[in-house]
N, C-alpha and C. Protein backbone atom coordinates (compact mmCIF):
# COMPACT_ATOMS: atom_id res chain seq x y z
N MET A 1 -7.85 23.38 37.27
CA MET A 1 -7.84 22.86 35.97
C MET A 1 -9.12 22.55 35.53
N THR A 2 -9.43 22.92 34.09
CA THR A 2 -10.92 22.46 33.65
C THR A 2 -10.59 20.92 33.20
N PHE A 3 -11.87 20.51 32.43
CA PHE A 3 -11.81 19.32 31.77
C PHE A 3 -11.16 19.28 30.79
N THR A 4 -11.40 20.23 30.18
CA THR A 4 -10.70 20.49 28.61
C THR A 4 -9.04 20.61 28.89
N GLU A 5 -8.68 21.22 29.70
CA GLU A 5 -7.25 21.37 29.94
C GLU A 5 -6.46 19.71 30.70
N SER A 6 -7.50 19.18 31.38
CA SER A 6 -6.85 17.91 31.75
C SER A 6 -7.22 16.73 30.61
N PHE A 7 -8.34 16.76 29.85
CA PHE A 7 -8.34 16.05 28.71
C PHE A 7 -6.98 16.18 27.53
N LEU A 8 -6.46 17.50 27.55
CA LEU A 8 -5.64 17.73 26.48
C LEU A 8 -4.37 17.31 27.22
N ASN A 9 -4.07 17.55 28.24
CA ASN A 9 -2.80 17.16 28.98
C ASN A 9 -2.97 15.45 28.86
N GLU A 10 -4.01 14.89 29.27
CA GLU A 10 -3.86 13.32 28.94
C GLU A 10 -3.53 12.82 27.60
N LEU A 11 -4.29 13.49 26.63
CA LEU A 11 -3.88 13.70 25.05
C LEU A 11 -2.38 13.51 24.78
N ASN A 12 -2.00 14.69 25.00
CA ASN A 12 -0.47 14.76 24.97
C ASN A 12 0.44 13.58 25.64
N GLN A 13 -0.11 13.17 26.79
CA GLN A 13 0.90 12.10 27.66
C GLN A 13 0.73 10.79 26.69
N GLU A 14 -0.46 10.40 26.59
CA GLU A 14 -0.98 9.15 25.82
C GLU A 14 -0.08 9.24 24.71
N ALA A 15 -0.12 10.28 23.62
CA ALA A 15 0.38 10.47 22.50
C ALA A 15 1.84 9.87 22.17
N VAL A 16 2.42 10.19 23.27
CA VAL A 16 3.81 9.61 23.45
C VAL A 16 4.00 8.15 23.04
N THR A 17 3.31 7.25 24.12
CA THR A 17 3.36 6.08 24.24
C THR A 17 2.67 5.32 22.67
N THR A 18 1.42 6.08 22.04
CA THR A 18 0.82 5.53 21.14
C THR A 18 1.82 5.92 19.69
N ARG A 19 2.67 7.07 19.91
CA ARG A 19 3.76 7.27 18.78
C ARG A 19 4.51 5.83 18.62
N LYS A 20 5.17 5.67 19.94
CA LYS A 20 6.00 4.41 19.98
C LYS A 20 5.63 3.56 19.55
N MET A 21 4.56 3.06 19.75
CA MET A 21 3.79 1.64 19.31
C MET A 21 3.88 1.51 17.83
N LEU A 22 3.11 2.97 17.29
CA LEU A 22 2.77 3.09 15.97
C LEU A 22 4.10 3.11 15.21
N GLU A 23 5.37 3.37 15.83
CA GLU A 23 6.44 3.32 15.05
C GLU A 23 7.11 2.04 14.75
N ARG A 24 6.46 1.11 15.69
CA ARG A 24 6.75 -0.18 15.37
C ARG A 24 6.28 -1.31 14.58
N VAL A 25 4.88 -0.58 14.00
CA VAL A 25 4.34 -1.48 12.81
C VAL A 25 5.08 -1.42 11.34
N PRO A 26 5.00 -2.77 11.13
CA PRO A 26 5.93 -2.57 9.90
C PRO A 26 4.71 -3.06 8.84
N ALA A 27 5.19 -2.09 7.54
CA ALA A 27 3.79 -2.13 6.30
C ALA A 27 4.11 -3.51 5.90
N ASP A 28 5.02 -4.32 5.70
CA ASP A 28 5.06 -5.42 5.12
C ASP A 28 4.40 -6.62 6.02
N LEU A 29 4.02 -6.19 7.06
CA LEU A 29 2.85 -7.23 7.75
C LEU A 29 1.54 -6.74 8.01
N PHE A 30 1.18 -5.65 7.25
CA PHE A 30 -0.36 -5.01 7.51
C PHE A 30 -1.21 -5.81 7.33
N HIS A 31 -0.94 -7.13 6.54
CA HIS A 31 -2.10 -7.92 6.16
C HIS A 31 -2.40 -8.95 7.21
N TRP A 32 -1.41 -9.36 8.42
CA TRP A 32 -1.42 -10.11 9.35
C TRP A 32 -2.51 -9.98 10.22
N GLN A 33 -2.98 -11.11 10.53
CA GLN A 33 -4.06 -11.11 11.87
C GLN A 33 -3.90 -12.51 12.64
N PRO A 34 -4.03 -12.29 13.76
CA PRO A 34 -3.76 -13.47 14.86
C PRO A 34 -4.87 -14.44 14.80
N HIS A 35 -6.19 -13.96 14.55
CA HIS A 35 -7.45 -14.86 14.38
C HIS A 35 -8.03 -14.21 13.28
N GLN A 36 -8.86 -15.42 12.58
CA GLN A 36 -9.83 -14.81 11.38
C GLN A 36 -10.92 -13.85 12.04
N LYS A 37 -11.17 -13.76 13.39
CA LYS A 37 -12.18 -12.87 13.97
C LYS A 37 -11.40 -11.39 14.32
N SER A 38 -10.26 -11.40 14.25
CA SER A 38 -9.55 -10.12 14.47
C SER A 38 -9.24 -9.54 13.47
N MET A 39 -9.09 -7.91 13.74
CA MET A 39 -8.65 -7.02 12.84
C MET A 39 -6.94 -7.45 12.17
N THR A 40 -6.83 -6.95 11.00
CA THR A 40 -5.63 -7.01 10.67
C THR A 40 -4.74 -6.22 11.06
N LEU A 41 -3.43 -6.48 11.29
CA LEU A 41 -2.63 -5.32 11.82
C LEU A 41 -2.50 -3.86 11.59
N LYS A 42 -2.73 -4.04 9.95
CA LYS A 42 -3.14 -2.52 9.41
C LYS A 42 -4.45 -2.00 9.94
N GLN A 43 -5.52 -2.83 10.06
CA GLN A 43 -6.77 -2.06 10.37
C GLN A 43 -6.63 -1.77 11.80
N LEU A 44 -5.98 -2.67 12.85
CA LEU A 44 -5.99 -2.15 14.08
C LEU A 44 -5.07 -0.76 14.25
N ALA A 45 -3.85 -0.74 13.76
CA ALA A 45 -2.99 0.39 13.50
C ALA A 45 -3.65 1.61 13.32
N THR A 46 -4.36 1.47 12.05
CA THR A 46 -5.37 2.51 11.75
C THR A 46 -6.17 3.16 12.50
N HIS A 47 -6.93 2.29 13.62
CA HIS A 47 -7.84 2.49 14.07
C HIS A 47 -7.23 3.40 15.32
N VAL A 48 -6.15 2.91 15.93
CA VAL A 48 -5.35 3.49 16.87
C VAL A 48 -4.88 5.04 16.43
N ALA A 49 -4.49 4.86 15.38
CA ALA A 49 -4.03 5.98 14.66
C ALA A 49 -5.03 7.25 14.42
N GLU A 50 -6.31 6.65 14.18
CA GLU A 50 -7.52 7.76 13.95
C GLU A 50 -8.39 8.15 15.41
N LEU A 51 -7.96 7.51 16.52
CA LEU A 51 -8.98 7.56 17.58
C LEU A 51 -8.84 9.03 18.00
N PRO A 52 -7.78 9.96 17.71
CA PRO A 52 -7.83 11.26 18.55
C PRO A 52 -8.79 12.15 17.73
N THR A 53 -9.35 11.62 16.45
CA THR A 53 -10.20 12.46 15.64
C THR A 53 -11.38 12.34 16.31
N TRP A 54 -11.81 11.35 16.81
CA TRP A 54 -13.13 11.02 17.72
C TRP A 54 -13.55 12.27 18.90
N ILE A 55 -12.22 12.96 19.40
CA ILE A 55 -12.28 14.04 20.12
C ILE A 55 -13.02 15.15 19.60
N ASN A 56 -12.50 15.42 18.33
CA ASN A 56 -13.38 16.57 17.52
C ASN A 56 -14.76 16.17 17.32
N LEU A 57 -14.97 14.74 16.81
CA LEU A 57 -16.05 14.35 16.57
C LEU A 57 -17.12 14.61 17.97
N VAL A 58 -16.67 14.08 18.98
CA VAL A 58 -17.69 14.36 20.10
C VAL A 58 -18.00 15.77 20.62
N ILE A 59 -16.74 16.53 20.72
CA ILE A 59 -17.01 18.13 20.91
C ILE A 59 -18.03 18.84 19.87
N ASN A 60 -17.86 18.63 18.91
CA ASN A 60 -18.54 19.30 17.77
C ASN A 60 -19.74 19.02 17.17
N THR A 61 -20.18 17.54 17.54
CA THR A 61 -21.51 17.11 16.85
C THR A 61 -22.42 16.87 18.33
N LYS A 62 -23.48 16.40 17.59
CA LYS A 62 -24.43 15.81 18.60
C LYS A 62 -24.65 14.18 18.94
N GLU A 63 -24.07 13.39 17.60
CA GLU A 63 -24.09 12.10 17.63
C GLU A 63 -23.12 11.49 16.35
N LEU A 64 -23.01 10.30 16.49
CA LEU A 64 -22.49 9.57 15.16
C LEU A 64 -23.67 8.38 15.09
N ASP A 65 -24.08 8.04 13.86
CA ASP A 65 -25.10 7.20 13.42
C ASP A 65 -24.14 6.33 12.73
N PHE A 66 -23.90 5.14 12.79
CA PHE A 66 -23.01 4.39 12.18
C PHE A 66 -23.91 3.87 10.71
N GLU A 67 -25.13 3.82 11.05
CA GLU A 67 -26.20 3.41 9.71
C GLU A 67 -26.34 4.33 8.91
N ALA A 68 -25.90 5.99 9.33
CA ALA A 68 -26.12 6.92 8.22
C ALA A 68 -24.82 7.50 7.91
N ASN A 69 -23.52 6.53 8.31
CA ASN A 69 -22.20 7.25 8.28
C ASN A 69 -21.49 5.93 8.75
N PRO A 70 -21.45 4.97 7.53
CA PRO A 70 -20.74 3.82 7.57
C PRO A 70 -19.34 4.32 7.70
N TYR A 71 -18.54 3.22 8.61
CA TYR A 71 -17.11 3.24 8.80
C TYR A 71 -16.21 3.26 7.33
N GLN A 72 -15.50 4.17 6.88
CA GLN A 72 -14.50 3.87 5.70
C GLN A 72 -13.11 4.27 6.24
N SER A 73 -12.25 3.03 6.56
CA SER A 73 -10.83 3.47 6.60
C SER A 73 -10.18 4.17 6.06
N VAL A 74 -9.45 4.94 6.55
CA VAL A 74 -8.14 5.52 5.70
C VAL A 74 -7.00 4.73 5.12
N PRO A 75 -7.21 4.83 3.53
CA PRO A 75 -6.23 3.86 2.84
C PRO A 75 -4.75 4.15 3.24
N LEU A 76 -4.08 3.33 3.84
CA LEU A 76 -2.62 3.63 4.19
C LEU A 76 -1.72 2.48 3.63
N SER A 77 -0.60 2.76 3.11
CA SER A 77 0.49 1.69 2.57
C SER A 77 1.67 1.70 3.01
N SER A 78 2.21 2.47 4.09
CA SER A 78 3.61 2.49 4.58
C SER A 78 3.31 2.95 5.90
N GLU A 79 4.84 2.84 6.57
CA GLU A 79 4.78 3.14 8.22
C GLU A 79 4.84 4.76 8.16
N GLN A 80 5.41 5.41 7.12
CA GLN A 80 5.37 6.87 7.08
C GLN A 80 3.96 7.48 7.07
N GLU A 81 3.02 6.78 6.12
CA GLU A 81 1.63 7.30 6.03
C GLU A 81 0.90 6.93 7.31
N LEU A 82 1.10 5.88 7.76
CA LEU A 82 0.48 5.51 9.23
C LEU A 82 1.09 6.64 10.37
N LEU A 83 2.12 6.89 10.56
CA LEU A 83 2.48 7.91 11.49
C LEU A 83 1.93 9.39 11.13
N ALA A 84 2.11 9.76 9.98
CA ALA A 84 1.53 11.10 9.53
C ALA A 84 0.28 11.22 9.54
N TYR A 85 -0.55 9.81 9.51
CA TYR A 85 -2.04 9.96 9.78
C TYR A 85 -2.42 10.18 11.23
N PHE A 86 -1.43 9.44 12.09
CA PHE A 86 -1.57 9.60 13.39
C PHE A 86 -1.32 11.00 14.06
N GLU A 87 -0.11 11.66 13.59
CA GLU A 87 0.07 13.05 13.93
C GLU A 87 -0.84 14.08 13.53
N GLN A 88 -1.65 13.86 12.14
CA GLN A 88 -2.83 14.66 11.53
C GLN A 88 -4.12 14.52 12.82
N SER A 89 -4.23 13.21 12.96
CA SER A 89 -5.57 12.94 13.93
C SER A 89 -5.06 13.46 15.24
N LEU A 90 -3.84 13.55 15.73
CA LEU A 90 -3.67 14.03 16.93
C LEU A 90 -3.78 15.54 17.08
N THR A 91 -3.42 16.28 15.87
CA THR A 91 -3.53 17.73 15.84
C THR A 91 -4.86 18.06 15.87
N GLU A 92 -5.86 17.36 15.19
CA GLU A 92 -7.28 17.51 15.09
C GLU A 92 -7.79 17.52 16.41
N GLY A 93 -7.37 16.47 17.42
CA GLY A 93 -7.98 16.29 18.56
C GLY A 93 -7.41 17.28 19.71
N GLN A 94 -6.06 17.80 19.53
CA GLN A 94 -5.59 18.78 20.26
C GLN A 94 -6.33 20.22 20.06
N GLU A 95 -6.38 20.44 18.89
CA GLU A 95 -7.41 21.64 18.40
C GLU A 95 -8.83 21.68 18.92
N ALA A 96 -9.09 20.68 18.83
CA ALA A 96 -10.85 20.59 19.39
C ALA A 96 -10.71 20.52 20.87
N LEU A 97 -9.81 20.06 21.57
CA LEU A 97 -9.79 20.47 23.06
C LEU A 97 -9.18 21.69 23.54
N ALA A 98 -8.57 22.38 22.59
CA ALA A 98 -8.09 23.90 23.05
C ALA A 98 -9.24 24.96 22.64
N ASN A 99 -9.96 24.56 21.53
CA ASN A 99 -11.19 25.17 21.39
C ASN A 99 -12.35 25.05 22.05
N ALA A 100 -12.36 24.03 22.88
CA ALA A 100 -13.71 23.37 23.56
C ALA A 100 -13.98 24.17 25.05
N THR A 101 -14.95 24.40 25.59
CA THR A 101 -15.36 24.67 26.62
C THR A 101 -15.84 23.72 27.71
N ASP A 102 -15.49 23.51 28.78
CA ASP A 102 -16.21 22.83 29.70
C ASP A 102 -17.98 22.75 29.79
N GLU A 103 -18.31 23.73 29.41
CA GLU A 103 -19.93 23.85 29.12
C GLU A 103 -20.10 23.04 28.13
N GLN A 104 -19.57 23.13 27.03
CA GLN A 104 -19.90 22.20 25.93
C GLN A 104 -19.74 20.78 26.14
N LEU A 105 -18.94 20.50 27.24
CA LEU A 105 -19.02 18.86 27.46
C LEU A 105 -19.84 18.34 28.45
N THR A 106 -20.81 19.29 28.75
CA THR A 106 -22.20 18.97 29.45
C THR A 106 -23.29 18.77 28.75
N ASP A 107 -23.14 18.94 27.33
CA ASP A 107 -24.02 18.14 26.41
C ASP A 107 -24.08 16.83 26.33
N ARG A 108 -25.16 16.32 25.69
CA ARG A 108 -25.20 14.99 25.60
C ARG A 108 -24.79 14.22 24.38
N TRP A 109 -24.24 13.13 24.29
CA TRP A 109 -23.73 12.84 22.80
C TRP A 109 -24.21 11.24 22.66
N VAL A 110 -24.54 10.88 21.50
CA VAL A 110 -25.28 9.57 21.11
C VAL A 110 -24.51 8.86 20.09
N LEU A 111 -24.17 7.68 20.30
CA LEU A 111 -23.71 6.78 19.41
C LEU A 111 -24.54 5.90 19.15
N ARG A 112 -24.81 5.72 17.78
CA ARG A 112 -26.02 4.68 17.51
C ARG A 112 -25.55 3.96 16.00
N SER A 113 -26.45 3.18 15.80
CA SER A 113 -26.65 2.31 14.53
C SER A 113 -28.05 2.43 14.09
N GLY A 114 -28.59 3.55 13.63
CA GLY A 114 -30.04 3.47 13.25
C GLY A 114 -30.62 3.75 14.65
N GLU A 115 -31.60 2.76 14.85
CA GLU A 115 -32.60 3.02 16.02
C GLU A 115 -31.87 2.34 17.25
N THR A 116 -30.67 1.67 17.16
CA THR A 116 -29.83 0.95 18.19
C THR A 116 -29.12 2.05 18.78
N ILE A 117 -29.22 2.43 19.98
CA ILE A 117 -28.45 3.25 20.69
C ILE A 117 -27.23 2.39 21.82
N TYR A 118 -25.99 2.77 21.31
CA TYR A 118 -24.80 2.32 21.97
C TYR A 118 -24.53 2.99 23.35
N SER A 119 -24.70 4.53 23.33
CA SER A 119 -24.26 5.10 24.18
C SER A 119 -25.23 6.66 24.04
N ASN A 120 -25.45 6.98 25.23
CA ASN A 120 -26.06 8.39 25.31
C ASN A 120 -25.63 9.06 26.49
N GLU A 121 -24.76 9.60 26.44
CA GLU A 121 -24.29 10.18 27.75
C GLU A 121 -23.68 11.80 27.67
N LEU A 122 -23.02 12.34 28.79
CA LEU A 122 -22.39 13.70 28.58
C LEU A 122 -21.46 13.32 27.65
N LYS A 123 -21.12 14.63 27.02
CA LYS A 123 -19.64 14.39 26.25
C LYS A 123 -18.49 14.25 27.03
N ARG A 124 -18.41 15.06 27.98
CA ARG A 124 -17.17 14.47 28.70
C ARG A 124 -16.85 12.99 29.25
N ASP A 125 -17.95 12.24 29.33
CA ASP A 125 -17.92 11.23 29.81
C ASP A 125 -17.79 10.19 28.74
N PHE A 126 -18.08 10.38 27.34
CA PHE A 126 -17.68 9.90 25.80
C PHE A 126 -16.49 10.08 25.80
N LEU A 127 -15.82 11.12 26.19
CA LEU A 127 -14.51 11.77 25.94
C LEU A 127 -13.60 10.73 27.00
N ARG A 128 -13.87 10.51 27.79
CA ARG A 128 -13.37 9.32 28.57
C ARG A 128 -13.19 7.97 28.14
N GLN A 129 -14.25 7.62 27.15
CA GLN A 129 -14.51 6.39 26.97
C GLN A 129 -13.37 6.35 25.40
N CYS A 130 -13.63 7.57 24.91
CA CYS A 130 -12.25 7.61 23.61
C CYS A 130 -10.98 7.23 24.41
N PHE A 131 -10.66 7.87 25.20
CA PHE A 131 -9.25 7.69 25.82
C PHE A 131 -9.29 6.40 26.32
N CYS A 132 -9.89 5.56 26.99
CA CYS A 132 -10.16 4.35 27.26
C CYS A 132 -9.82 3.45 25.81
N GLN A 133 -10.46 3.88 24.77
CA GLN A 133 -10.21 3.01 23.70
C GLN A 133 -8.96 3.20 23.04
N VAL A 134 -8.23 4.29 23.33
CA VAL A 134 -6.66 4.38 22.69
C VAL A 134 -6.18 3.49 23.68
N VAL A 135 -6.14 3.14 25.09
CA VAL A 135 -5.21 2.34 25.70
C VAL A 135 -5.63 0.85 25.44
N HIS A 136 -7.27 0.50 25.29
CA HIS A 136 -7.44 -0.71 25.03
C HIS A 136 -6.90 -1.03 23.68
N HIS A 137 -6.91 -0.53 22.47
CA HIS A 137 -6.51 -0.79 21.28
C HIS A 137 -5.16 -0.89 21.01
N ARG A 138 -4.64 -0.04 22.04
CA ARG A 138 -2.84 0.14 21.78
C ARG A 138 -2.54 -1.03 22.40
N ALA A 139 -3.08 -1.56 23.79
CA ALA A 139 -2.89 -2.79 24.17
C ALA A 139 -2.94 -3.76 23.37
N GLN A 140 -3.93 -4.06 22.65
CA GLN A 140 -4.28 -4.88 21.67
C GLN A 140 -2.94 -4.90 20.51
N LEU A 141 -2.63 -3.91 20.12
CA LEU A 141 -1.32 -3.62 19.33
C LEU A 141 -0.26 -4.02 19.70
N GLY A 142 -0.17 -4.10 20.90
CA GLY A 142 1.35 -4.61 21.57
C GLY A 142 1.01 -5.98 21.67
N VAL A 143 -0.08 -6.69 21.89
CA VAL A 143 0.06 -8.14 21.63
C VAL A 143 0.14 -8.47 20.41
N TYR A 144 -0.34 -7.96 19.22
CA TYR A 144 0.25 -8.33 17.97
C TYR A 144 1.08 -8.04 17.47
N LEU A 145 2.14 -7.04 18.07
CA LEU A 145 3.54 -6.95 17.82
C LEU A 145 4.43 -8.00 18.54
N ARG A 146 3.86 -8.33 20.04
CA ARG A 146 4.56 -9.43 20.40
C ARG A 146 4.39 -10.74 19.95
N LEU A 147 3.32 -11.06 19.32
CA LEU A 147 3.09 -12.20 18.69
C LEU A 147 4.08 -12.24 17.39
N LEU A 148 4.02 -11.18 16.66
CA LEU A 148 5.22 -11.13 15.78
C LEU A 148 6.56 -10.90 16.12
N ASP A 149 6.88 -11.26 17.21
CA ASP A 149 8.68 -10.84 17.93
C ASP A 149 8.96 -9.62 17.58
N ILE A 150 8.00 -8.65 17.76
CA ILE A 150 8.75 -7.49 17.74
C ILE A 150 8.64 -6.74 18.65
N PRO A 151 9.92 -6.12 18.95
CA PRO A 151 10.05 -5.54 20.59
C PRO A 151 9.05 -4.53 20.79
N ILE A 152 8.31 -4.47 21.82
CA ILE A 152 7.30 -3.43 22.08
C ILE A 152 7.82 -2.28 23.22
N PRO A 153 7.48 -1.02 23.04
CA PRO A 153 8.03 -0.12 23.70
C PRO A 153 7.10 -0.36 25.40
N GLY A 154 7.90 0.11 26.38
CA GLY A 154 6.75 0.46 27.69
C GLY A 154 5.74 1.45 27.38
N SER A 155 4.61 1.43 28.09
CA SER A 155 3.51 2.45 28.22
C SER A 155 3.87 3.12 29.35
N TYR A 156 3.69 2.59 30.71
CA TYR A 156 4.11 3.40 31.96
C TYR A 156 5.14 2.85 32.75
N GLY A 157 5.95 2.71 32.00
CA GLY A 157 7.33 1.78 32.48
C GLY A 157 7.72 1.08 31.45
N PRO A 158 8.93 0.53 31.76
CA PRO A 158 9.66 -0.06 30.58
C PRO A 158 8.99 -1.70 30.43
N SER A 159 8.97 -1.93 29.21
CA SER A 159 8.37 -3.29 28.80
C SER A 159 9.50 -4.44 29.11
N ALA A 160 9.11 -5.60 28.78
CA ALA A 160 10.13 -6.59 28.97
C ALA A 160 11.18 -6.49 27.98
N ASP A 161 10.76 -6.02 26.93
CA ASP A 161 11.89 -5.85 25.88
C ASP A 161 13.15 -4.80 26.24
N GLU A 162 12.42 -3.76 27.41
CA GLU A 162 13.51 -2.58 27.53
C GLU A 162 14.45 -3.15 28.98
N GLN A 163 13.78 -3.91 29.69
CA GLN A 163 14.64 -4.51 30.91
C GLN A 163 15.63 -5.36 30.64
N ASN A 164 16.52 -5.08 31.83
CA ASN A 164 17.34 -6.15 31.60
C ASN A 164 17.42 -7.17 32.67
N PHE A 165 17.29 -7.98 32.45
CA PHE A 165 17.13 -9.30 33.04
C PHE A 165 18.29 -10.30 33.06
N ASN A 166 18.55 -10.73 34.30
CA ASN A 166 20.00 -11.27 34.26
C ASN A 166 19.54 -12.91 34.86
């Protein structure tokens, strides 16, 4: 199995859990945040939904410079828009992997802000970080939902909300 095939399989497996988590995010609580230094629920959910687009970015560019390309969140106002954005992002990531070669993944990719370099590594290694970001931020989203007393789905087995405790 090639790296691109392996990444595509993993993307599709993780998408199931990500979708279930995003389906629980209520638009009427988009403004909520657990701490002033934390993202709002909307910011976090939008970030989780957009992360598959990073696959295309890494495969088809040489770098991302935040100074030259400031982050702009996609405006979303409903649960349906959030889920549609995730599906669009997922399709973009899937297509990028389906059309990529393992040879492309041996090129270097740089994440920077102007002169400050955050990462300079092989594309395949940065793609691994992208997958880790999905799991990391999805777990944060689970904590947000738990604090809001919204039942959360299991990720790699049943959650406490899905188990029968006697």
